[in-house]
Protein backbone atom coordinates (compact mmCIF):
# COMPACT_ATOMS: atom_id res chain seq x y z
CA UNK A 1 -8.41 33.20 -47.93
CA UNK A 2 -6.02 33.36 -44.50
CA UNK A 3 -2.50 31.82 -45.52
CA UNK A 4 -2.02 28.89 -43.06
CA UNK A 5 -0.39 29.41 -39.63
CA UNK A 6 1.77 26.27 -39.43
CA UNK A 7 2.90 26.38 -35.98
CA UNK A 8 3.27 22.88 -35.01
CA UNK A 9 7.10 22.52 -35.60
CA UNK A 10 8.25 25.73 -33.83
CA UNK A 11 5.96 25.07 -30.94
CA UNK A 12 7.97 21.31 -30.57
CA UNK A 13 11.13 23.12 -29.46
CA UNK A 14 9.77 25.76 -27.63
CA UNK A 15 10.73 24.08 -24.38
CA UNK A 16 14.01 23.35 -25.50
CA UNK A 17 14.37 26.70 -26.33
CA UNK A 18 13.29 27.91 -23.09
CA UNK A 19 15.63 25.20 -21.56
CA UNK A 20 18.58 26.26 -22.89
CA UNK A 21 18.36 30.07 -22.27
CA UNK A 22 17.16 28.97 -18.44
CA UNK A 23 20.39 27.09 -18.14
CA UNK A 24 22.52 29.46 -19.21
CA UNK A 25 21.36 31.96 -17.51
CA UNK A 26 22.29 29.44 -14.22
CA UNK A 27 25.27 29.52 -15.67
CA UNK A 28 25.95 33.44 -15.76
CA UNK A 29 24.70 33.56 -11.87
CA UNK A 30 27.06 31.54 -11.06
CA UNK A 31 29.98 32.11 -13.36
CA UNK A 32 29.58 36.12 -13.64
CA UNK A 33 27.91 37.62 -10.26
CA UNK A 34 29.15 34.68 -7.28
CA UNK A 35 32.41 34.12 -9.25
CA UNK A 36 33.35 37.50 -10.97
CA UNK A 37 30.97 39.34 -8.41
CA UNK A 38 29.73 41.10 -11.39
CA UNK A 39 26.00 41.97 -10.17
CA UNK A 40 24.30 44.19 -12.94
CA UNK A 41 24.78 43.74 -16.82
CA UNK A 42 24.49 39.95 -16.83
CA UNK A 43 20.87 40.26 -15.79
CA UNK A 44 19.84 41.40 -19.05
CA UNK A 45 19.98 38.65 -20.81
CA UNK A 46 17.41 37.26 -18.34
CA UNK A 47 14.81 39.00 -20.40
CA UNK A 48 15.27 37.33 -23.47
CA UNK A 49 13.61 33.79 -21.93
CA UNK A 50 11.42 36.26 -19.90
CA UNK A 51 9.76 37.83 -22.63
CA UNK A 52 9.75 34.86 -24.93
CA UNK A 53 8.30 32.62 -22.32
CA UNK A 54 5.25 35.46 -22.11
CA UNK A 55 4.74 35.88 -25.73
CA UNK A 56 4.78 32.28 -26.66
CA UNK A 57 2.56 30.89 -23.26
CA UNK A 58 0.94 34.60 -22.16
CA UNK A 59 0.44 35.18 -18.60
CA UNK A 60 1.61 31.74 -17.94
CA UNK A 61 4.63 32.26 -18.50
CA UNK A 62 5.00 34.38 -15.40
CA UNK A 63 6.39 31.68 -14.07
CA UNK A 64 10.01 31.74 -16.11
CA UNK A 65 9.86 35.24 -14.73
CA UNK A 66 9.53 33.65 -11.07
CA UNK A 67 12.11 30.99 -11.31
CA UNK A 68 14.74 33.42 -12.82
CA UNK A 69 13.77 36.35 -9.82
CA UNK A 70 14.37 33.61 -7.35
CA UNK A 71 17.83 32.69 -8.68
CA UNK A 72 18.87 36.22 -8.82
CA UNK A 73 17.91 36.69 -5.48
CA UNK A 74 19.16 33.66 -4.26
CA UNK A 75 22.81 34.50 -5.60
CA UNK A 76 22.15 38.04 -4.59
CA UNK A 77 21.33 36.69 -0.63
CA UNK A 78 24.48 34.26 -1.37
CA UNK A 79 26.96 36.68 -2.32
CA UNK A 80 26.05 39.76 -0.03
CA UNK A 81 24.85 37.63 3.04
CA UNK A 82 21.74 39.92 2.78
CA UNK A 83 19.00 41.15 0.27
CA UNK A 84 19.56 44.50 -1.42
CA UNK A 85 17.72 47.18 -3.06
CA UNK A 86 19.18 46.37 -6.30
CA UNK A 87 18.60 43.02 -6.91
CA UNK A 88 14.93 43.04 -5.55
CA UNK A 89 14.15 45.56 -7.70
CA UNK A 90 15.54 43.66 -10.76
CA UNK A 91 13.38 41.28 -9.72
CA UNK A 92 10.42 42.88 -9.25
CA UNK A 93 11.09 44.01 -12.59
CA UNK A 94 11.23 40.78 -13.55
CA UNK A 95 8.30 39.96 -12.58
CA UNK A 96 5.86 43.31 -14.32
CA UNK A 97 8.21 42.93 -17.85
CA UNK A 98 6.46 39.21 -18.08
CA UNK A 99 2.85 40.23 -16.47
CA UNK A 100 2.63 42.87 -18.89
CA UNK A 101 3.87 40.57 -22.38
CA UNK A 102 1.64 38.07 -21.35
CA UNK A 103 -1.88 39.93 -20.52
CA UNK A 104 -0.99 41.64 -24.15
CA UNK A 105 -0.46 38.08 -25.69
CA UNK A 106 -3.22 36.72 -24.17
CA UNK A 107 -5.63 39.32 -25.87
CA UNK A 108 -3.86 39.42 -29.01
CA UNK A 109 -5.15 35.75 -29.13
CA UNK A 110 -8.53 36.09 -27.53
CA UNK A 111 -8.56 39.04 -30.63
CA UNK A 112 -7.28 37.12 -33.40
CA UNK A 113 -9.47 34.34 -32.52
CA UNK A 114 -12.54 36.81 -32.45
CA UNK A 115 -11.93 38.27 -35.92
CA UNK A 116 -11.64 34.82 -37.37
CA UNK A 117 -15.33 34.15 -36.30
CA UNK A 118 -16.38 37.64 -37.28
CA UNK A 119 -15.03 36.46 -41.27
CA UNK A 120 -17.00 33.16 -40.64
CA UNK A 121 -20.07 35.04 -39.88
CA UNK A 122 -19.58 37.22 -42.62
CA UNK A 123 -18.89 34.72 -45.01
CA UNK A 124 -21.84 32.87 -44.48
CA UNK A 125 -24.64 36.16 -44.54
CA UNK A 126 -23.18 37.39 -48.14
CA UNK A 127 -24.32 33.92 -49.23
CA UNK A 128 -21.74 30.76 -48.92
CA UNK A 129 -24.72 28.67 -48.61
CA UNK A 130 -26.26 29.25 -51.74
CA UNK A 131 -22.74 28.74 -53.94
CA UNK A 132 -23.03 25.10 -52.35
CA UNK A 133 -21.10 25.10 -49.72
CA UNK A 134 -23.18 23.09 -46.75
CA UNK A 135 -23.16 23.54 -43.34
CA UNK A 136 -24.31 25.69 -40.32
CA UNK A 137 -21.77 28.50 -39.05
CA UNK A 138 -20.40 26.63 -36.37
CA UNK A 139 -19.46 24.22 -38.87
CA UNK A 140 -17.99 26.84 -41.40
CA UNK A 141 -16.40 28.81 -38.22
CA UNK A 142 -14.32 25.05 -37.63
CA UNK A 143 -13.37 25.01 -41.12
CA UNK A 144 -11.56 28.47 -41.22
CA UNK A 145 -9.98 27.68 -37.57
CA UNK A 146 -8.48 24.46 -39.35
CA UNK A 147 -7.11 26.67 -42.25
CA UNK A 148 -5.56 28.71 -39.67
CA UNK A 149 -4.23 26.95 -37.06
CA UNK A 150 -4.17 23.14 -36.48
CA UNK A 151 -2.50 23.35 -33.84
CA UNK A 152 -4.24 25.35 -31.86
CA UNK A 153 -7.10 22.65 -32.54
CA UNK A 154 -4.44 19.92 -31.31
CA UNK A 155 -3.62 21.83 -28.03
CA UNK A 156 -7.44 22.31 -27.00
CA UNK A 157 -7.85 18.80 -28.35
CA UNK A 158 -10.91 19.92 -30.54
CA UNK A 159 -11.71 16.66 -32.31
CA UNK A 160 -14.32 17.98 -34.34
CA UNK A 161 -12.19 20.73 -35.72
CA UNK A 162 -9.32 18.40 -37.02
CA UNK A 163 -12.01 15.88 -38.79
CA UNK A 164 -13.34 18.99 -40.66
CA UNK A 165 -9.83 19.67 -41.30
CA UNK A 166 -8.93 16.80 -42.94
CA UNK A 167 -10.68 17.48 -45.88
CA UNK A 168 -8.83 20.75 -46.43
CA UNK A 169 -7.51 21.48 -49.74
CA UNK A 170 -3.83 21.79 -48.80
CA UNK A 171 -2.61 18.47 -48.28
CA UNK A 172 0.20 19.53 -45.61
CA UNK A 173 -2.79 20.85 -43.42
CA UNK A 174 -5.00 17.92 -43.67
CA UNK A 175 -1.62 15.92 -42.95
CA UNK A 176 -1.06 17.71 -39.55
CA UNK A 177 -4.63 17.51 -38.54
CA UNK A 178 -4.59 13.94 -39.34
CA UNK A 179 -0.97 13.49 -36.97
CA UNK A 180 -2.68 15.82 -34.02
CA UNK A 181 -5.69 13.02 -34.25
CA UNK A 182 -3.52 10.15 -34.10
CA UNK A 183 -1.42 12.01 -31.11
CA UNK A 184 -5.26 12.73 -29.30
CA UNK A 185 -6.23 9.05 -29.53
CA UNK A 186 -9.69 9.78 -29.58
CA UNK A 187 -11.77 6.82 -30.77
CA UNK A 188 -14.43 9.09 -32.62
CA UNK A 189 -11.98 10.08 -34.84
CA UNK A 190 -11.03 6.50 -36.21
CA UNK A 191 -14.29 6.57 -39.23
CA UNK A 192 -13.01 9.93 -40.29
CA UNK A 193 -9.08 8.77 -40.40
CA UNK A 194 -10.51 5.53 -42.20
CA UNK A 195 -12.37 8.29 -44.92
CA UNK A 196 -8.78 9.85 -44.91
CA UNK A 197 -6.99 5.99 -45.57
CA UNK A 198 -9.62 4.79 -48.14
CA UNK A 199 -10.38 8.02 -50.13
CA UNK A 200 -7.30 10.35 -50.49
CA UNK A 201 -4.48 9.41 -53.09
CA UNK A 202 -2.19 11.39 -51.54
CA UNK A 203 0.15 8.40 -50.46
CA UNK A 204 2.02 10.95 -47.76
CA UNK A 205 -1.57 11.44 -46.10
CA UNK A 206 -2.79 7.92 -46.60
CA UNK A 207 0.23 6.32 -44.65
CA UNK A 208 -0.14 8.79 -41.51
CA UNK A 209 -3.84 8.01 -41.50
CA UNK A 210 -2.86 4.85 -40.83
CA UNK A 211 -0.44 5.29 -38.07
CA UNK A 212 -3.26 7.64 -36.52
CA UNK A 213 -5.55 4.84 -36.89
CA UNK A 214 -2.97 2.30 -34.62
CA UNK A 215 -2.58 5.03 -32.46
CA UNK A 216 -5.88 5.11 -31.40
CA UNK A 217 -5.77 1.01 -30.77
CA UNK A 218 -8.27 -1.20 -30.99
CA UNK A 219 -11.53 1.01 -31.83
CA UNK A 220 -10.02 1.30 -34.92
CA UNK A 221 -9.72 -2.28 -35.51
CA UNK A 222 -13.30 -2.63 -37.06
CA UNK A 223 -12.75 0.28 -39.51
CA UNK A 224 -9.34 -1.09 -40.96
CA UNK A 225 -10.79 -4.44 -41.31
CA UNK A 226 -13.05 -3.19 -43.59
CA UNK A 227 -10.22 -1.59 -45.03
CA UNK A 228 -8.74 -5.22 -46.04
CA UNK A 229 -11.51 -5.01 -48.52
CA UNK A 230 -10.93 -2.10 -50.38
CA UNK A 231 -10.17 -2.45 -54.19
CA UNK A 232 -7.29 -0.48 -53.64
CA UNK A 233 -3.92 -2.47 -52.86
CA UNK A 234 -2.53 0.44 -51.01
CA UNK A 235 -5.11 0.95 -48.75
CA UNK A 236 -5.31 -3.21 -48.28
CA UNK A 237 -1.69 -3.02 -47.20
CA UNK A 238 -1.67 -0.17 -44.81
CA UNK A 239 -4.49 -1.40 -42.92
CA UNK A 240 -2.76 -4.51 -42.67
CA UNK A 241 0.24 -3.01 -41.20
CA UNK A 242 -1.86 -1.24 -39.00
CA UNK A 243 -3.44 -3.98 -37.88
CA UNK A 244 -0.67 -6.42 -37.11
CA UNK A 245 0.95 -3.50 -35.12
CA UNK A 246 -2.82 -2.80 -32.51
CA UNK A 247 -2.39 -7.02 -32.35
CA UNK A 248 -5.94 -7.42 -31.92
CA UNK A 249 -7.25 -11.00 -31.75
CA UNK A 250 -10.10 -10.07 -34.29
CA UNK A 251 -7.59 -8.90 -36.78
CA UNK A 252 -5.94 -12.40 -37.15
CA UNK A 253 -8.80 -14.51 -39.42
CA UNK A 254 -9.13 -11.59 -41.82
CA UNK A 255 -5.10 -11.00 -42.17
CA UNK A 256 -4.92 -14.80 -42.96
CA UNK A 257 -7.48 -14.19 -45.41
CA UNK A 258 -5.66 -12.02 -47.16
CA UNK A 259 -2.71 -13.69 -47.66
CA UNK A 260 -4.56 -15.35 -50.90
CA UNK A 261 -4.92 -11.88 -52.04
CA UNK A 262 -4.50 -11.45 -55.93
CA UNK A 263 -1.39 -8.49 -55.12
CA UNK A 264 1.59 -10.07 -54.33
CA UNK A 265 2.75 -7.09 -52.07
CA UNK A 266 -0.15 -7.24 -50.23
CA UNK A 267 0.03 -10.91 -49.23
CA UNK A 268 3.86 -10.22 -48.48
CA UNK A 269 2.33 -7.13 -45.85
CA UNK A 270 -0.29 -9.80 -44.29
CA UNK A 271 2.23 -12.25 -43.59
CA UNK A 272 4.50 -9.28 -42.14
CA UNK A 273 1.57 -8.19 -40.09
CA UNK A 274 0.86 -11.37 -38.75
CA UNK A 275 4.55 -11.88 -38.08
CA UNK A 276 4.74 -9.12 -35.87
CA UNK A 277 1.84 -9.80 -33.65
CA UNK A 278 3.67 -12.91 -32.47
CA UNK A 279 2.97 -15.73 -30.23
CA UNK A 280 -0.74 -15.41 -30.14
CA UNK A 281 -1.11 -16.07 -34.05
CA UNK A 282 1.19 -19.92 -33.82
CA UNK A 283 -2.40 -22.06 -33.61
CA UNK A 284 -4.25 -20.56 -36.70
CA UNK A 285 -1.49 -20.38 -38.68
CA UNK A 286 -0.51 -23.92 -38.19
CA UNK A 287 -3.86 -24.67 -39.16
CA UNK A 288 -3.36 -23.33 -41.83
CA UNK A 289 -0.48 -25.11 -42.90
CA UNK A 290 -2.22 -28.57 -42.43
CA UNK A 291 -5.82 -27.81 -43.65
CA UNK A 292 -5.17 -24.93 -46.42
CA UNK A 293 -4.99 -26.28 -50.00
CA UNK A 294 -4.36 -23.06 -51.39
CA UNK A 295 -0.55 -22.60 -51.52
CA UNK A 296 -0.59 -19.04 -51.76
CA UNK A 297 -2.18 -19.06 -47.68
CA UNK A 298 0.24 -21.64 -46.92
CA UNK A 299 3.17 -19.46 -48.37
CA UNK A 300 2.08 -16.77 -46.75
CA UNK A 301 1.42 -18.52 -43.19
CA UNK A 302 5.67 -19.48 -43.56
CA UNK A 303 6.62 -15.82 -44.04
CA UNK A 304 5.20 -15.02 -40.97
CA UNK A 305 6.18 -18.04 -39.03
CA UNK A 306 9.81 -16.52 -39.87
CA UNK A 307 9.33 -13.65 -37.86
CA UNK A 308 7.90 -15.24 -34.39
CA UNK A 309 10.77 -16.02 -32.37
CA UNK A 310 9.23 -18.91 -30.64
CA UNK A 311 10.34 -22.65 -30.74
CA UNK A 312 6.43 -23.89 -31.63
CA UNK A 313 6.77 -21.43 -34.47
CA UNK A 314 10.65 -23.13 -35.67
CA UNK A 315 8.68 -26.36 -35.18
CA UNK A 316 5.59 -25.18 -37.68
CA UNK A 317 8.55 -24.28 -40.24
CA UNK A 318 10.78 -27.63 -39.76
CA UNK A 319 7.28 -28.93 -40.92
CA UNK A 320 6.63 -26.59 -43.80
CA UNK A 321 10.30 -28.20 -45.55
CA UNK A 322 8.00 -31.07 -46.41
CA UNK A 323 5.53 -28.97 -48.16
CA UNK A 324 3.91 -30.20 -51.60
CA UNK A 325 4.47 -26.46 -52.47
CA UNK A 326 8.53 -25.73 -53.93
CA UNK A 327 7.91 -22.06 -52.59
CA UNK A 328 6.84 -23.07 -49.10
CA UNK A 329 9.45 -25.74 -48.90
CA UNK A 330 12.04 -22.79 -49.88
CA UNK A 331 10.56 -20.53 -47.89
CA UNK A 332 10.56 -23.03 -44.69
CA UNK A 333 14.27 -23.41 -45.12
CA UNK A 334 15.43 -20.04 -45.69
CA UNK A 335 13.26 -18.87 -42.51
CA UNK A 336 15.11 -21.67 -40.47
CA UNK A 337 18.30 -20.73 -42.07
CA UNK A 338 17.59 -17.14 -40.41
CA UNK A 339 17.11 -18.14 -37.01
CA UNK A 340 20.85 -18.65 -36.54
CA UNK A 341 22.13 -20.22 -33.20
CA UNK A 342 18.30 -19.30 -31.63
CA UNK A 343 17.38 -22.10 -33.77
CA UNK A 344 19.70 -24.90 -33.51
CA UNK A 345 18.58 -26.45 -30.39
CA UNK A 346 15.08 -26.43 -32.13
CA UNK A 347 16.18 -28.35 -35.00
CA UNK A 348 18.95 -30.60 -33.61
CA UNK A 349 16.03 -31.63 -31.56
CA UNK A 350 14.09 -32.16 -34.44
CA UNK A 351 16.29 -34.41 -35.98
CA UNK A 352 15.98 -37.48 -33.08
CA UNK A 353 12.30 -37.29 -34.43
CA UNK A 354 11.79 -36.02 -38.02
CA UNK A 355 11.00 -38.13 -41.13
CA UNK A 356 13.36 -38.94 -44.01
CA UNK A 357 12.47 -35.56 -46.17
CA UNK A 358 11.87 -33.67 -42.85
CA UNK A 359 15.17 -35.06 -42.01
CA UNK A 360 17.48 -34.56 -44.80
CA UNK A 361 15.78 -30.80 -45.16
CA UNK A 362 16.85 -30.11 -41.60
CA UNK A 363 20.59 -31.36 -42.33
CA UNK A 364 20.70 -28.87 -45.20
CA UNK A 365 19.58 -25.81 -42.99
CA UNK A 366 21.99 -27.02 -40.21
CA UNK A 367 24.98 -26.67 -42.70
CA UNK A 368 23.54 -23.04 -43.73
CA UNK A 369 22.93 -21.54 -40.16
CA UNK A 370 27.04 -22.29 -39.96
CA UNK A 371 27.21 -22.93 -36.24
CA UNK A 372 29.55 -25.16 -35.36
CA UNK A 373 27.65 -26.51 -32.55
CA UNK A 374 26.31 -28.15 -34.92
CA UNK A 375 29.06 -30.16 -36.28
CA UNK A 376 29.33 -32.78 -33.13
CA UNK A 377 25.35 -33.83 -33.74
CA UNK A 378 26.05 -33.97 -37.42
CA UNK A 379 28.80 -36.35 -36.39
CA UNK A 380 26.88 -38.73 -34.17
CA UNK A 381 23.94 -39.06 -36.99
CA UNK A 382 26.78 -39.90 -39.88
CA UNK A 383 27.00 -42.89 -38.14
CA UNK A 384 23.81 -44.43 -38.82
CA UNK A 385 22.61 -42.15 -41.53
CA UNK A 386 21.63 -44.20 -45.13
CA UNK A 387 22.96 -43.53 -48.38
CA UNK A 388 20.67 -40.37 -49.23
CA UNK A 389 21.27 -38.45 -45.87
CA UNK A 390 25.17 -39.28 -45.69
CA UNK A 391 26.26 -36.97 -48.62
CA UNK A 392 24.42 -34.07 -46.99
CA UNK A 393 25.62 -34.66 -43.68
CA UNK A 394 29.05 -34.37 -45.27
CA UNK A 395 28.37 -31.14 -47.12
CA UNK A 396 27.15 -29.81 -44.13
CA UNK A 397 30.09 -30.77 -41.69
CA UNK A 398 32.20 -28.90 -44.33
CA UNK A 399 30.38 -26.14 -44.56
CA UNK A 400 30.71 -25.70 -40.87
CA UNK A 401 34.43 -26.32 -40.91
CA UNK A 402 34.43 -29.67 -39.42
CA UNK A 403 37.26 -32.32 -40.14
CA UNK A 404 37.45 -34.16 -43.51
CA UNK A 405 35.16 -37.20 -43.99
CA UNK A 406 35.49 -39.45 -46.88
CA UNK A 407 32.40 -39.80 -49.17
CA UNK A 408 31.68 -43.57 -51.05
CA UNK A 409 33.90 -42.25 -54.20
CA UNK A 410 36.67 -41.40 -51.95
CA UNK A 411 36.43 -37.37 -52.39
CA UNK A 412 37.60 -35.51 -49.09
CA UNK A 413 35.41 -33.03 -48.07
CA UNK A 414 35.52 -30.64 -44.66
CA UNK A 415 39.14 -28.90 -43.56
């Protein structure tokens, strides 16, 4: 019935635009008035921010006129040593113009809202309910308002109206409503936003709903945990990411269970979510590695640990290099190699106490890390190395750019 008025974009730039005009006004006052001693024509420019402020903010925009009037009078007093009639008259005109336009703007906005309400009343009286549209008069008004001005409802923190706007047939309006609810952060919106996450097929709206639930925070956690069991894999992984970013303990076990999801991408996103929760999940993941028979869960635990920059996580990765699953062992090796210099000291320390299989894997990782700091400890280890470990140590030293060392068959490796 009405074209949607999407004002969110321009509203973001209103303060910036006015700020630019105000800065330029100060420049004109200093340069044109005080330097060049021109005290009349340049002030015409001041009407641009005055008028814009009054249109956009109504009578509140008078503040801009007051600032510019004060700037003008200050400059005039500084230049002349007194206040003359001309500057005082122009300052008064600034205030009158801002006040008149501001009053008219406020009246126009009130009239627009009144007309929308009247249309809603008329629509209800004309039999909207008899044609399958349910709800009382106030609800229908809110639906019309959601179509017309989501930004206004956001400014008024009208959560109920924005929730109704989530059902708007135009995805752009629903998207703006989701974004507004996230910025407001009212826990009352968690349920409706979860419905938008789980019920809408528009991927962009789903992702924005997940972001909004993340912004609401801990109050969203029960809803998001339930969403982890949704039959749609797109919903499951989006909910997992949101839970990881919120970082609530209640989400740890459900996310660990999701590591065994039938969808590979969902499993990887669950591991990512656990990883960004940090040291909070190290102990639960350690239990997974030591007790879980499902290799997918152990693999996900290693993927999560690989994102956590902490010594306990690195030690668990070292232990995982001897896992019975080849995929788990390879992922642990890859994660350890990615630690770079930060994991070097932990790896060198682990060499002192590692079992044979672990020690061999650590040597391989040290070669992949590429830090020359590992050369000397590896040289020392070579002195007591057995036949299995010796060629690996020599290869690691060579990879790091260490000295040439003869192998048992006489071949030399290194530089």
